[in-house]
Structure formats: C-alpha cells, structure tokens
C-alpha cells in the first residue's frame, strides 16, 4: 500500500504512540514485540496490522512460508489481541489507518516523523 503522509499526521501518530506507551506499557510492549517479529520474519507490516484488526490481509499474506512459521506468528499476534486493553490499540490503528501500518510500526520502533515524510511503499 502506497501512503502519503503529512508531517502533522505523522507527528500526531507519534504523539499517540508515545501516549499509548505511557498509559498502556504492557500493551505497547506486546505491539513492539509483534513489530519486531514481523521485521525479523521479513513479513509486510500491513499483514501484521490486518491480522490485529481482523481484516483480510489479501496480497500482503506471505507466500512460500512454512505453515509452522505462520502458526507461530499468528500465535504471537494473538497475545496482542488477547491483551485486556487491545481495544485501545485497535482504536489507535483505526484512527491512523490512513498513515499506514508500516509507518505506524516504524514510529513505534523509534523512527522520527520527519524520516517518514513523503510517499512510501513500505509494507
């Protein structure tokens, strides 16, 4: 998914992530673990976001990946979804859906909003 984000939108998302980290540290830590696992498996961030939001990942579903790896990945994402405050994360992701799951993930990893300006095809 190609997204074009304004600096204001990215800063707003970053502030919301910082607030999530402050108010729900356990939930944020689980999200960060999911982002890092997604990165380690070289899956698309859109795939991760779609699974968390119970959306159809469609073309972002990894191909040529062992079923056992996908089951492990989905099991780890289920930890995020099973958190008692997961509704807060879903509200956040829904609010900033136009920013894109990839940019949200990169902001959670500590990238600055300025580094994510412009068109992006990170998935």
PDB file of N, CA and C in Angstrom:
ATOM      1  N   UNK A   1       0.849  -1.173   0.000  1.00  0.00           N
ATOM      2  CA  UNK A   1       0.000   0.000   0.000  1.00  0.00           C
ATOM      3  C   UNK A   1       0.889   1.229   0.000  1.00  0.00           C
ATOM      4  N   UNK A   2       0.679   2.084  -0.954  1.00  0.00           N
ATOM      5  CA  UNK A   2       1.442   3.331  -1.014  1.00  0.00           C
ATOM      6  C   UNK A   2       0.683   4.387  -0.221  1.00  0.00           C
ATOM      7  N   UNK A   3       1.384   5.013   0.712  1.00  0.00           N
ATOM      8  CA  UNK A   3       0.743   6.038   1.530  1.00  0.00           C
ATOM      9  C   UNK A   3       1.537   7.327   1.425  1.00  0.00           C
ATOM     10  N   UNK A   4       0.812   8.421   1.505  1.00  0.00           N
ATOM     11  CA  UNK A   4       1.421   9.741   1.514  1.00  0.00           C
ATOM     12  C   UNK A   4       0.942  10.424   2.779  1.00  0.00           C
ATOM     13  N   UNK A   5       1.859  10.745   3.664  1.00  0.00           N
ATOM     14  CA  UNK A   5       1.501  11.294   4.965  1.00  0.00           C
ATOM     15  C   UNK A   5       2.077  12.685   5.139  1.00  0.00           C
ATOM     16  N   UNK A   6       1.294  13.546   5.773  1.00  0.00           N
ATOM     17  CA  UNK A   6       1.789  14.878   6.091  1.00  0.00           C
ATOM     18  C   UNK A   6       2.582  14.813   7.387  1.00  0.00           C
ATOM     19  N   UNK A   7       3.420  15.793   7.594  1.00  0.00           N
ATOM     20  CA  UNK A   7       4.216  15.839   8.821  1.00  0.00           C
ATOM     21  C   UNK A   7       3.312  15.955  10.043  1.00  0.00           C
ATOM     22  N   UNK A   8       2.193  16.690   9.901  1.00  0.00           N
ATOM     23  CA  UNK A   8       1.264  16.833  11.026  1.00  0.00           C
ATOM     24  C   UNK A   8       0.631  15.494  11.391  1.00  0.00           C
ATOM     25  N   UNK A   9       0.263  14.740  10.371  1.00  0.00           N
ATOM     26  CA  UNK A   9      -0.337  13.429  10.601  1.00  0.00           C
ATOM     27  C   UNK A   9       0.665  12.491  11.270  1.00  0.00           C
ATOM     28  N   UNK A  10       1.902  12.514  10.809  1.00  0.00           N
ATOM     29  CA  UNK A  10       2.931  11.665  11.391  1.00  0.00           C
ATOM     30  C   UNK A  10       3.266  12.070  12.824  1.00  0.00           C
ATOM     31  N   UNK A  11       3.325  13.365  13.076  1.00  0.00           N
ATOM     32  CA  UNK A  11       3.590  13.834  14.444  1.00  0.00           C
ATOM     33  C   UNK A  11       2.439  13.466  15.373  1.00  0.00           C
ATOM     34  N   UNK A  12       1.234  13.578  14.873  1.00  0.00           N
ATOM     35  CA  UNK A  12       0.065  13.203  15.663  1.00  0.00           C
ATOM     36  C   UNK A  12       0.094  11.710  15.992  1.00  0.00           C
ATOM     37  N   UNK A  13       0.455  10.892  15.015  1.00  0.00           N
ATOM     38  CA  UNK A  13       0.569   9.449  15.238  1.00  0.00           C
ATOM     39  C   UNK A  13       1.674   9.153  16.242  1.00  0.00           C
ATOM     40  N   UNK A  14       2.800   9.841  16.123  1.00  0.00           N
ATOM     41  CA  UNK A  14       3.914   9.640  17.056  1.00  0.00           C
ATOM     42  C   UNK A  14       3.502  10.016  18.480  1.00  0.00           C
ATOM     43  N   UNK A  15       2.791  11.130  18.629  1.00  0.00           N
ATOM     44  CA  UNK A  15       2.303  11.532  19.951  1.00  0.00           C
ATOM     45  C   UNK A  15       1.351  10.496  20.523  1.00  0.00           C
ATOM     46  N   UNK A  16       0.492   9.956  19.677  1.00  0.00           N
ATOM     47  CA  UNK A  16      -0.456   8.927  20.125  1.00  0.00           C
ATOM     48  C   UNK A  16       0.287   7.654  20.536  1.00  0.00           C
ATOM     49  N   UNK A  17       1.335   7.311  19.808  1.00  0.00           N
ATOM     50  CA  UNK A  17       2.146   6.141  20.175  1.00  0.00           C
ATOM     51  C   UNK A  17       2.832   6.378  21.518  1.00  0.00           C
ATOM     52  N   UNK A  18       3.380   7.568  21.701  1.00  0.00           N
ATOM     53  CA  UNK A  18       4.024   7.895  22.979  1.00  0.00           C
ATOM     54  C   UNK A  18       3.031   7.832  24.129  1.00  0.00           C
ATOM     55  N   UNK A  19       1.803   8.279  23.888  1.00  0.00           N
ATOM     56  CA  UNK A  19       0.761   8.220  24.916  1.00  0.00           C
ATOM     57  C   UNK A  19       0.371   6.776  25.198  1.00  0.00           C
ATOM     58  N   UNK A  20       0.272   5.968  24.156  1.00  0.00           N
ATOM     59  CA  UNK A  20      -0.028   4.540  24.324  1.00  0.00           C
ATOM     60  C   UNK A  20       1.057   3.869  25.157  1.00  0.00           C
ATOM     61  N   UNK A  21       2.303   4.203  24.858  1.00  0.00           N
ATOM     62  CA  UNK A  21       3.441   3.647  25.595  1.00  0.00           C
ATOM     63  C   UNK A  21       3.385   4.032  27.068  1.00  0.00           C
ATOM     64  N   UNK A  22       2.985   5.264  27.344  1.00  0.00           N
ATOM     65  CA  UNK A  22       2.910   5.766  28.722  1.00  0.00           C
ATOM     66  C   UNK A  22       1.717   5.170  29.477  1.00  0.00           C
ATOM     67  N   UNK A  23       0.546   5.157  28.826  1.00  0.00           N
ATOM     68  CA  UNK A  23      -0.678   4.732  29.501  1.00  0.00           C
ATOM     69  C   UNK A  23      -0.864   3.216  29.553  1.00  0.00           C
ATOM     70  N   UNK A  24      -0.337   2.513  28.550  1.00  0.00           N
ATOM     71  CA  UNK A  24      -0.521   1.062  28.448  1.00  0.00           C
ATOM     72  C   UNK A  24       0.819   0.400  28.122  1.00  0.00           C
ATOM     73  N   UNK A  25       1.760   0.438  29.056  1.00  0.00           N
ATOM     74  CA  UNK A  25       3.108  -0.072  28.751  1.00  0.00           C
ATOM     75  C   UNK A  25       3.132  -1.551  28.352  1.00  0.00           C
ATOM     76  N   UNK A  26       2.306  -2.370  28.973  1.00  0.00           N
ATOM     77  CA  UNK A  26       2.289  -3.800  28.631  1.00  0.00           C
ATOM     78  C   UNK A  26       1.773  -4.020  27.215  1.00  0.00           C
ATOM     79  N   UNK A  27       0.730  -3.312  26.853  1.00  0.00           N
ATOM     80  CA  UNK A  27       0.173  -3.411  25.509  1.00  0.00           C
ATOM     81  C   UNK A  27       1.184  -2.911  24.484  1.00  0.00           C
ATOM     82  N   UNK A  28       1.839  -1.799  24.778  1.00  0.00           N
ATOM     83  CA  UNK A  28       2.840  -1.266  23.861  1.00  0.00           C
ATOM     84  C   UNK A  28       3.982  -2.253  23.682  1.00  0.00           C
ATOM     85  N   UNK A  29       4.400  -2.885  24.755  1.00  0.00           N
ATOM     86  CA  UNK A  29       5.495  -3.857  24.674  1.00  0.00           C
ATOM     87  C   UNK A  29       5.104  -5.038  23.791  1.00  0.00           C
ATOM     88  N   UNK A  30       3.866  -5.479  23.908  1.00  0.00           N
ATOM     89  CA  UNK A  30       3.392  -6.574  23.047  1.00  0.00           C
ATOM     90  C   UNK A  30       3.337  -6.137  21.588  1.00  0.00           C
ATOM     91  N   UNK A  31       2.916  -4.909  21.348  1.00  0.00           N
ATOM     92  CA  UNK A  31       2.903  -4.380  19.987  1.00  0.00           C
ATOM     93  C   UNK A  31       4.325  -4.325  19.436  1.00  0.00           C
ATOM     94  N   UNK A  32       5.243  -3.830  20.233  1.00  0.00           N
ATOM     95  CA  UNK A  32       6.633  -3.733  19.801  1.00  0.00           C
ATOM     96  C   UNK A  32       7.218  -5.116  19.496  1.00  0.00           C
ATOM     97  N   UNK A  33       6.885  -6.103  20.296  1.00  0.00           N
ATOM     98  CA  UNK A  33       7.336  -7.472  20.030  1.00  0.00           C
ATOM     99  C   UNK A  33       6.772  -7.971  18.700  1.00  0.00           C
ATOM    100  N   UNK A  34       5.510  -7.656  18.432  1.00  0.00           N
ATOM    101  CA  UNK A  34       4.894  -8.064  17.165  1.00  0.00           C
ATOM    102  C   UNK A  34       5.566  -7.366  15.983  1.00  0.00           C
ATOM    103  N   UNK A  35       5.866  -6.081  16.137  1.00  0.00           N
ATOM    104  CA  UNK A  35       6.547  -5.327  15.075  1.00  0.00           C
ATOM    105  C   UNK A  35       7.935  -5.916  14.826  1.00  0.00           C
ATOM    106  N   UNK A  36       8.654  -6.204  15.890  1.00  0.00           N
ATOM    107  CA  UNK A  36       9.999  -6.780  15.740  1.00  0.00           C
ATOM    108  C   UNK A  36       9.958  -8.176  15.124  1.00  0.00           C
ATOM    109  N   UNK A  37       8.970  -8.963  15.488  1.00  0.00           N
ATOM    110  CA  UNK A  37       8.820 -10.294  14.900  1.00  0.00           C
ATOM    111  C   UNK A  37       8.480 -10.185  13.413  1.00  0.00           C
ATOM    112  N   UNK A  38       7.626  -9.237  13.086  1.00  0.00           N
ATOM    113  CA  UNK A  38       7.270  -9.001  11.690  1.00  0.00           C
ATOM    114  C   UNK A  38       8.509  -8.636  10.896  1.00  0.00           C
ATOM    115  N   UNK A  39       9.304  -7.794  11.463  1.00  0.00           N
ATOM    116  CA  UNK A  39      10.554  -7.359  10.824  1.00  0.00           C
ATOM    117  C   UNK A  39      11.527  -8.527  10.681  1.00  0.00           C
ATOM    118  N   UNK A  40      11.660  -9.332  11.743  1.00  0.00           N
ATOM    119  CA  UNK A  40      12.587 -10.465  11.722  1.00  0.00           C
ATOM    120  C   UNK A  40      12.181 -11.505  10.674  1.00  0.00           C
ATOM    121  N   UNK A  41      10.882 -11.735  10.545  1.00  0.00           N
ATOM    122  CA  UNK A  41      10.387 -12.693   9.551  1.00  0.00           C
ATOM    123  C   UNK A  41      10.325 -12.098   8.151  1.00  0.00           C
ATOM    124  N   UNK A  42      10.578 -10.810   8.049  1.00  0.00           N
ATOM    125  CA  UNK A  42      10.502 -10.075   6.786  1.00  0.00           C
ATOM    126  C   UNK A  42       9.101 -10.159   6.170  1.00  0.00           C
ATOM    127  N   UNK A  43       8.086 -10.110   7.047  1.00  0.00           N
ATOM    128  CA  UNK A  43       6.701 -10.024   6.604  1.00  0.00           C
ATOM    129  C   UNK A  43       6.364  -8.560   6.396  1.00  0.00           C
ATOM    130  N   UNK A  44       5.286  -8.292   5.729  1.00  0.00           N
ATOM    131  CA  UNK A  44       4.827  -6.929   5.494  1.00  0.00           C
ATOM    132  C   UNK A  44       4.136  -6.431   6.762  1.00  0.00           C
ATOM    133  N   UNK A  45       4.384  -5.167   7.108  1.00  0.00           N
ATOM    134  CA  UNK A  45       3.719  -4.580   8.272  1.00  0.00           C
ATOM    135  C   UNK A  45       2.209  -4.529   8.057  1.00  0.00           C
ATOM    136  N   UNK A  46       1.797  -4.403   6.817  1.00  0.00           N
ATOM    137  CA  UNK A  46       0.364  -4.381   6.527  1.00  0.00           C
ATOM    138  C   UNK A  46      -0.273  -5.725   6.880  1.00  0.00           C
ATOM    139  N   UNK A  47       0.471  -6.799   6.716  1.00  0.00           N
ATOM    140  CA  UNK A  47      -0.018  -8.130   7.104  1.00  0.00           C
ATOM    141  C   UNK A  47      -0.268  -8.165   8.603  1.00  0.00           C
ATOM    142  N   UNK A  48       0.698  -7.678   9.373  1.00  0.00           N
ATOM    143  CA  UNK A  48       0.556  -7.638  10.823  1.00  0.00           C
ATOM    144  C   UNK A  48      -0.657  -6.805  11.233  1.00  0.00           C
ATOM    145  N   UNK A  49      -0.760  -5.593  10.676  1.00  0.00           N
ATOM    146  CA  UNK A  49      -1.872  -4.711  11.019  1.00  0.00           C
ATOM    147  C   UNK A  49      -3.216  -5.311  10.653  1.00  0.00           C
ATOM    148  N   UNK A  50      -3.274  -5.948   9.511  1.00  0.00           N
ATOM    149  CA  UNK A  50      -4.526  -6.574   9.072  1.00  0.00           C
ATOM    150  C   UNK A  50      -4.946  -7.683  10.028  1.00  0.00           C
ATOM    151  N   UNK A  51      -3.994  -8.482  10.472  1.00  0.00           N
ATOM    152  CA  UNK A  51      -4.332  -9.560  11.402  1.00  0.00           C
ATOM    153  C   UNK A  51      -4.788  -9.007  12.753  1.00  0.00           C
ATOM    154  N   UNK A  52      -4.119  -7.980  13.242  1.00  0.00           N
ATOM    155  CA  UNK A  52      -4.516  -7.383  14.521  1.00  0.00           C
ATOM    156  C   UNK A  52      -5.923  -6.798  14.420  1.00  0.00           C
ATOM    157  N   UNK A  53      -6.224  -6.181  13.282  1.00  0.00           N
ATOM    158  CA  UNK A  53      -7.518  -5.516  13.092  1.00  0.00           C
ATOM    159  C   UNK A  53      -8.595  -6.457  12.551  1.00  0.00           C
ATOM    160  N   UNK A  54      -8.271  -7.739  12.423  1.00  0.00           N
ATOM    161  CA  UNK A  54      -9.213  -8.740  11.900  1.00  0.00           C
ATOM    162  C   UNK A  54      -9.695  -8.382  10.502  1.00  0.00           C
ATOM    163  N   UNK A  55      -8.774  -7.885   9.685  1.00  0.00           N
ATOM    164  CA  UNK A  55      -9.058  -7.557   8.297  1.00  0.00           C
ATOM    165  C   UNK A  55      -8.467  -8.645   7.406  1.00  0.00           C
ATOM    166  N   UNK A  56      -8.911  -8.700   6.181  1.00  0.00           N
ATOM    167  CA  UNK A  56      -8.354  -9.628   5.206  1.00  0.00           C
ATOM    168  C   UNK A  56      -7.003  -9.080   4.740  1.00  0.00           C
ATOM    169  N   UNK A  57      -5.905  -9.806   4.977  1.00  0.00           N
ATOM    170  CA  UNK A  57      -4.598  -9.304   4.561  1.00  0.00           C
ATOM    171  C   UNK A  57      -4.372  -9.372   3.056  1.00  0.00           C
ATOM    172  N   UNK A  58      -5.185 -10.141   2.345  1.00  0.00           N
ATOM    173  CA  UNK A  58      -5.118 -10.206   0.893  1.00  0.00           C
ATOM    174  C   UNK A  58      -3.725 -10.416   0.354  1.00  0.00           C
ATOM    175  N   UNK A  59      -3.278  -9.502  -0.496  1.00  0.00           N
ATOM    176  CA  UNK A  59      -1.995  -9.639  -1.187  1.00  0.00           C
ATOM    177  C   UNK A  59      -0.787  -9.538  -0.263  1.00  0.00           C
ATOM    178  N   UNK A  60      -0.999  -9.136   0.982  1.00  0.00           N
ATOM    179  CA  UNK A  60       0.125  -8.984   1.909  1.00  0.00           C
ATOM    180  C   UNK A  60       0.443 -10.275   2.664  1.00  0.00           C
ATOM    181  N   UNK A  61      -0.365 -11.311   2.439  1.00  0.00           N
ATOM    182  CA  UNK A  61      -0.116 -12.596   3.079  1.00  0.00           C
ATOM    183  C   UNK A  61       1.189 -13.175   2.534  1.00  0.00           C
ATOM    184  N   UNK A  62       2.093 -13.576   3.428  1.00  0.00           N
ATOM    185  CA  UNK A  62       3.370 -14.129   2.958  1.00  0.00           C
ATOM    186  C   UNK A  62       3.155 -15.417   2.155  1.00  0.00           C
ATOM    187  N   UNK A  63       3.949 -15.568   1.121  1.00  0.00           N
ATOM    188  CA  UNK A  63       3.904 -16.804   0.345  1.00  0.00           C
ATOM    189  C   UNK A  63       5.247 -17.510   0.519  1.00  0.00           C
ATOM    190  N   UNK A  64       5.259 -18.766   0.255  1.00  0.00           N
ATOM    191  CA  UNK A  64       6.469 -19.574   0.388  1.00  0.00           C
ATOM    192  C   UNK A  64       6.994 -19.558   1.821  1.00  0.00           C
ATOM    193  N   UNK A  65       6.078 -19.599   2.783  1.00  0.00           N
ATOM    194  CA  UNK A  65       6.443 -19.627   4.199  1.00  0.00           C
ATOM    195  C   UNK A  65       5.840 -20.893   4.789  1.00  0.00           C
ATOM    196  N   UNK A  66       6.631 -21.600   5.560  1.00  0.00           N
ATOM    197  CA  UNK A  66       6.134 -22.816   6.195  1.00  0.00           C
ATOM    198  C   UNK A  66       4.920 -22.509   7.054  1.00  0.00           C
ATOM    199  N   UNK A  67       3.972 -23.423   7.031  1.00  0.00           N
ATOM    200  CA  UNK A  67       2.768 -23.278   7.853  1.00  0.00           C
ATOM    201  C   UNK A  67       3.097 -23.130   9.326  1.00  0.00           C
ATOM    202  N   UNK A  68       4.129 -23.833   9.786  1.00  0.00           N
ATOM    203  CA  UNK A  68       4.507 -23.761  11.200  1.00  0.00           C
ATOM    204  C   UNK A  68       4.971 -22.347  11.573  1.00  0.00           C
ATOM    205  N   UNK A  69       5.631 -21.662  10.642  1.00  0.00           N
ATOM    206  CA  UNK A  69       6.091 -20.295  10.901  1.00  0.00           C
ATOM    207  C   UNK A  69       4.889 -19.360  10.979  1.00  0.00           C
ATOM    208  N   UNK A  70       3.944 -19.521  10.058  1.00  0.00           N
ATOM    209  CA  UNK A  70       2.739 -18.680  10.096  1.00  0.00           C
ATOM    210  C   UNK A  70       1.930 -18.930  11.356  1.00  0.00           C
ATOM    211  N   UNK A  71       1.839 -20.189  11.776  1.00  0.00           N
ATOM    212  CA  UNK A  71       1.096 -20.501  13.012  1.00  0.00           C
ATOM    213  C   UNK A  71       1.770 -19.851  14.216  1.00  0.00           C
ATOM    214  N   UNK A  72       3.098 -19.918  14.279  1.00  0.00           N
ATOM    215  CA  UNK A  72       3.843 -19.285  15.374  1.00  0.00           C
ATOM    216  C   UNK A  72       3.614 -17.778  15.366  1.00  0.00           C
ATOM    217  N   UNK A  73       3.678 -17.178  14.188  1.00  0.00           N
ATOM    218  CA  UNK A  73       3.482 -15.741  14.056  1.00  0.00           C
ATOM    219  C   UNK A  73       2.080 -15.338  14.520  1.00  0.00           C
ATOM    220  N   UNK A  74       1.078 -16.056  14.054  1.00  0.00           N
ATOM    221  CA  UNK A  74      -0.307 -15.746  14.429  1.00  0.00           C
ATOM    222  C   UNK A  74      -0.534 -15.961  15.925  1.00  0.00           C
ATOM    223  N   UNK A  75       0.139 -16.952  16.490  1.00  0.00           N
ATOM    224  CA  UNK A  75       0.037 -17.200  17.936  1.00  0.00           C
ATOM    225  C   UNK A  75       0.595 -16.015  18.723  1.00  0.00           C
ATOM    226  N   UNK A  76       1.715 -15.466  18.251  1.00  0.00           N
ATOM    227  CA  UNK A  76       2.313 -14.305  18.912  1.00  0.00           C
ATOM    228  C   UNK A  76       1.429 -13.065  18.751  1.00  0.00           C
ATOM    229  N   UNK A  77       0.829 -12.900  17.581  1.00  0.00           N
ATOM    230  CA  UNK A  77      -0.079 -11.763  17.394  1.00  0.00           C
ATOM    231  C   UNK A  77      -1.328 -11.912  18.253  1.00  0.00           C
ATOM    232  N   UNK A  78      -1.718 -13.143  18.500  1.00  0.00           N
ATOM    233  CA  UNK A  78      -2.893 -13.376  19.347  1.00  0.00           C
ATOM    234  C   UNK A  78      -2.644 -12.852  20.761  1.00  0.00           C
ATOM    235  N   UNK A  79      -1.391 -12.850  21.207  1.00  0.00           N
ATOM    236  CA  UNK A  79      -1.061 -12.290  22.521  1.00  0.00           C
ATOM    237  C   UNK A  79      -1.420 -10.801  22.572  1.00  0.00           C
ATOM    238  N   UNK A  80      -1.199 -10.108  21.478  1.00  0.00           N
ATOM    239  CA  UNK A  80      -1.561  -8.689  21.403  1.00  0.00           C
ATOM    240  C   UNK A  80      -3.073  -8.551  21.455  1.00  0.00           C
ATOM    241  N   UNK A  81      -3.762  -9.361  20.671  1.00  0.00           N
ATOM    242  CA  UNK A  81      -5.219  -9.276  20.592  1.00  0.00           C
ATOM    243  C   UNK A  81      -5.905  -9.713  21.884  1.00  0.00           C
ATOM    244  N   UNK A  82      -5.237 -10.580  22.661  1.00  0.00           N
ATOM    245  CA  UNK A  82      -5.815 -11.069  23.918  1.00  0.00           C
ATOM    246  C   UNK A  82      -5.565 -10.135  25.098  1.00  0.00           C
ATOM    247  N   UNK A  83      -4.762  -9.110  24.901  1.00  0.00           N
ATOM    248  CA  UNK A  83      -4.497  -8.157  25.976  1.00  0.00           C
ATOM    249  C   UNK A  83      -5.823  -7.501  26.377  1.00  0.00           C
ATOM    250  N   UNK A  84      -6.035  -7.309  27.689  1.00  0.00           N
ATOM    251  CA  UNK A  84      -7.294  -6.698  28.134  1.00  0.00           C
ATOM    252  C   UNK A  84      -7.538  -5.298  27.554  1.00  0.00           C
ATOM    253  N   UNK A  85      -6.491  -4.631  27.122  1.00  0.00           N
ATOM    254  CA  UNK A  85      -6.627  -3.281  26.576  1.00  0.00           C
ATOM    255  C   UNK A  85      -6.457  -3.238  25.054  1.00  0.00           C
ATOM    256  N   UNK A  86      -6.606  -4.374  24.404  1.00  0.00           N
ATOM    257  CA  UNK A  86      -6.390  -4.429  22.954  1.00  0.00           C
ATOM    258  C   UNK A  86      -7.341  -3.505  22.193  1.00  0.00           C
ATOM    259  N   UNK A  87      -8.496  -3.221  22.786  1.00  0.00           N
ATOM    260  CA  UNK A  87      -9.441  -2.309  22.127  1.00  0.00           C
ATOM    261  C   UNK A  87      -8.823  -0.917  21.944  1.00  0.00           C
ATOM    262  N   UNK A  88      -7.933  -0.519  22.860  1.00  0.00           N
ATOM    263  CA  UNK A  88      -7.258   0.769  22.765  1.00  0.00           C
ATOM    264  C   UNK A  88      -6.340   0.778  21.541  1.00  0.00           C
ATOM    265  N   UNK A  89      -5.619  -0.305  21.349  1.00  0.00           N
ATOM    266  CA  UNK A  89      -4.737  -0.426  20.190  1.00  0.00           C
ATOM    267  C   UNK A  89      -5.548  -0.419  18.896  1.00  0.00           C
ATOM    268  N   UNK A  90      -6.658  -1.132  18.885  1.00  0.00           N
ATOM    269  CA  UNK A  90      -7.494  -1.171  17.683  1.00  0.00           C
ATOM    270  C   UNK A  90      -8.079   0.208  17.367  1.00  0.00           C
ATOM    271  N   UNK A  91      -8.455   0.953  18.393  1.00  0.00           N
ATOM    272  CA  UNK A  91      -8.946   2.321  18.172  1.00  0.00           C
ATOM    273  C   UNK A  91      -7.838   3.189  17.588  1.00  0.00           C
ATOM    274  N   UNK A  92      -6.639   3.039  18.125  1.00  0.00           N
ATOM    275  CA  UNK A  92      -5.489   3.805  17.634  1.00  0.00           C
ATOM    276  C   UNK A  92      -5.208   3.471  16.171  1.00  0.00           C
ATOM    277  N   UNK A  93      -5.129   2.177  15.854  1.00  0.00           N
ATOM    278  CA  UNK A  93      -4.842   1.764  14.478  1.00  0.00           C
ATOM    279  C   UNK A  93      -5.938   2.208  13.518  1.00  0.00           C
ATOM    280  N   UNK A  94      -7.159   2.181  13.980  1.00  0.00           N
ATOM    281  CA  UNK A  94      -8.275   2.631  13.152  1.00  0.00           C
ATOM    282  C   UNK A  94      -8.183   4.135  12.897  1.00  0.00           C
ATOM    283  N   UNK A  95      -7.851   4.893  13.929  1.00  0.00           N
ATOM    284  CA  UNK A  95      -7.755   6.346  13.802  1.00  0.00           C
ATOM    285  C   UNK A  95      -6.665   6.757  12.816  1.00  0.00           C
ATOM    286  N   UNK A  96      -5.554   6.026  12.832  1.00  0.00           N
ATOM    287  CA  UNK A  96      -4.418   6.390  11.989  1.00  0.00           C
ATOM    288  C   UNK A  96      -4.245   5.435  10.799  1.00  0.00           C
ATOM    289  N   UNK A  97      -5.324   4.816  10.387  1.00  0.00           N
ATOM    290  CA  UNK A  97      -5.269   3.864   9.270  1.00  0.00           C
ATOM    291  C   UNK A  97      -4.708   4.504   8.002  1.00  0.00           C
ATOM    292  N   UNK A  98      -5.032   5.771   7.764  1.00  0.00           N
ATOM    293  CA  UNK A  98      -4.548   6.442   6.548  1.00  0.00           C
ATOM    294  C   UNK A  98      -3.034   6.666   6.586  1.00  0.00           C
ATOM    295  N   UNK A  99      -2.448   6.642   7.770  1.00  0.00           N
ATOM    296  CA  UNK A  99      -0.998   6.774   7.905  1.00  0.00           C
ATOM    297  C   UNK A  99      -0.319   5.509   7.393  1.00  0.00           C
ATOM    298  N   UNK A 100      -0.966   4.387   7.593  1.00  0.00           N
ATOM    299  CA  UNK A 100      -0.434   3.101   7.135  1.00  0.00           C
ATOM    300  C   UNK A 100       0.210   2.325   8.266  1.00  0.00           C
ATOM    301  N   UNK A 101      -0.012   1.019   8.245  1.00  0.00           N
ATOM    302  CA  UNK A 101       0.544   0.158   9.294  1.00  0.00           C
ATOM    303  C   UNK A 101       2.073   0.187   9.292  1.00  0.00           C
ATOM    304  N   UNK A 102       2.669   0.342   8.126  1.00  0.00           N
ATOM    305  CA  UNK A 102       4.135   0.352   8.050  1.00  0.00           C
ATOM    306  C   UNK A 102       4.703   1.574   8.764  1.00  0.00           C
ATOM    307  N   UNK A 103       4.161   2.737   8.480  1.00  0.00           N
ATOM    308  CA  UNK A 103       4.673   3.949   9.117  1.00  0.00           C
ATOM    309  C   UNK A 103       4.384   3.951  10.611  1.00  0.00           C
ATOM    310  N   UNK A 104       3.239   3.448  11.006  1.00  0.00           N
ATOM    311  CA  UNK A 104       2.922   3.335  12.433  1.00  0.00           C
ATOM    312  C   UNK A 104       3.940   2.419  13.107  1.00  0.00           C
ATOM    313  N   UNK A 105       4.259   1.309  12.460  1.00  0.00           N
ATOM    314  CA  UNK A 105       5.239   0.364  13.015  1.00  0.00           C
ATOM    315  C   UNK A 105       6.610   1.013  13.143  1.00  0.00           C
ATOM    316  N   UNK A 106       7.002   1.749  12.120  1.00  0.00           N
ATOM    317  CA  UNK A 106       8.313   2.406  12.157  1.00  0.00           C
ATOM    318  C   UNK A 106       8.357   3.497  13.224  1.00  0.00           C
ATOM    319  N   UNK A 107       7.259   4.197  13.426  1.00  0.00           N
ATOM    320  CA  UNK A 107       7.199   5.182  14.502  1.00  0.00           C
ATOM    321  C   UNK A 107       7.317   4.494  15.861  1.00  0.00           C
ATOM    322  N   UNK A 108       6.664   3.348  16.014  1.00  0.00           N
ATOM    323  CA  UNK A 108       6.742   2.594  17.272  1.00  0.00           C
ATOM    324  C   UNK A 108       8.168   2.122  17.534  1.00  0.00           C
ATOM    325  N   UNK A 109       8.904   1.845  16.453  1.00  0.00           N
ATOM    326  CA  UNK A 109      10.303   1.417  16.595  1.00  0.00           C
ATOM    327  C   UNK A 109      11.237   2.571  16.931  1.00  0.00           C
ATOM    328  N   UNK A 110      10.723   3.800  16.867  1.00  0.00           N
ATOM    329  CA  UNK A 110      11.528   4.952  17.249  1.00  0.00           C
ATOM    330  C   UNK A 110      11.950   5.852  16.103  1.00  0.00           C
ATOM    331  N   UNK A 111      11.510   5.559  14.881  1.00  0.00           N
ATOM    332  CA  UNK A 111      11.821   6.454  13.763  1.00  0.00           C
ATOM    333  C   UNK A 111      11.127   7.789  13.977  1.00  0.00           C
ATOM    334  N   UNK A 112      11.752   8.847  13.512  1.00  0.00           N
ATOM    335  CA  UNK A 112      11.157  10.173  13.657  1.00  0.00           C
ATOM    336  C   UNK A 112      10.116  10.393  12.562  1.00  0.00           C
ATOM    337  N   UNK A 113       9.106  11.211  12.844  1.00  0.00           N
ATOM    338  CA  UNK A 113       8.118  11.527  11.810  1.00  0.00           C
ATOM    339  C   UNK A 113       8.759  12.117  10.554  1.00  0.00           C
ATOM    340  N   UNK A 114       9.781  12.936  10.731  1.00  0.00           N
ATOM    341  CA  UNK A 114      10.445  13.571   9.596  1.00  0.00           C
ATOM    342  C   UNK A 114      11.097  12.550   8.656  1.00  0.00           C
ATOM    343  N   UNK A 115      11.558  11.450   9.217  1.00  0.00           N
ATOM    344  CA  UNK A 115      12.223  10.428   8.392  1.00  0.00           C
ATOM    345  C   UNK A 115      11.229   9.644   7.535  1.00  0.00           C
ATOM    346  N   UNK A 116       9.937   9.780   7.819  1.00  0.00           N
ATOM    347  CA  UNK A 116       8.921   9.013   7.108  1.00  0.00           C
ATOM    348  C   UNK A 116       8.094   9.874   6.160  1.00  0.00           C
ATOM    349  N   UNK A 117       8.533  11.094   5.935  1.00  0.00           N
ATOM    350  CA  UNK A 117       7.784  12.001   5.059  1.00  0.00           C
ATOM    351  C   UNK A 117       7.765  11.529   3.618  1.00  0.00           C
ATOM    352  N   UNK A 118       6.704  11.863   2.929  1.00  0.00           N
ATOM    353  CA  UNK A 118       6.614  11.577   1.509  1.00  0.00           C
ATOM    354  C   UNK A 118       5.985  10.235   1.223  1.00  0.00           C
ATOM    355  N   UNK A 119       6.012   9.888  -0.047  1.00  0.00           N
ATOM    356  CA  UNK A 119       5.430   8.620  -0.481  1.00  0.00           C
ATOM    357  C   UNK A 119       6.255   7.455   0.042  1.00  0.00           C
ATOM    358  N   UNK A 120       5.577   6.403   0.366  1.00  0.00           N
ATOM    359  CA  UNK A 120       6.236   5.229   0.885  1.00  0.00           C
ATOM    360  C   UNK A 120       5.566   3.995   0.340  1.00  0.00           C
ATOM    361  N   UNK A 121       6.363   3.015   0.029  1.00  0.00           N
ATOM    362  CA  UNK A 121       5.789   1.730  -0.383  1.00  0.00           C
ATOM    363  C   UNK A 121       6.226   0.635   0.559  1.00  0.00           C
ATOM    364  N   UNK A 122       6.605   1.008   1.772  1.00  0.00           N
ATOM    365  CA  UNK A 122       6.956   0.024   2.802  1.00  0.00           C
ATOM    366  C   UNK A 122       5.686  -0.711   3.172  1.00  0.00           C
ATOM    367  N   UNK A 123       5.783  -2.015   3.230  1.00  0.00           N
ATOM    368  CA  UNK A 123       4.590  -2.785   3.545  1.00  0.00           C
ATOM    369  C   UNK A 123       4.856  -3.600   4.772  1.00  0.00           C
TER     370      UNK A 123
END
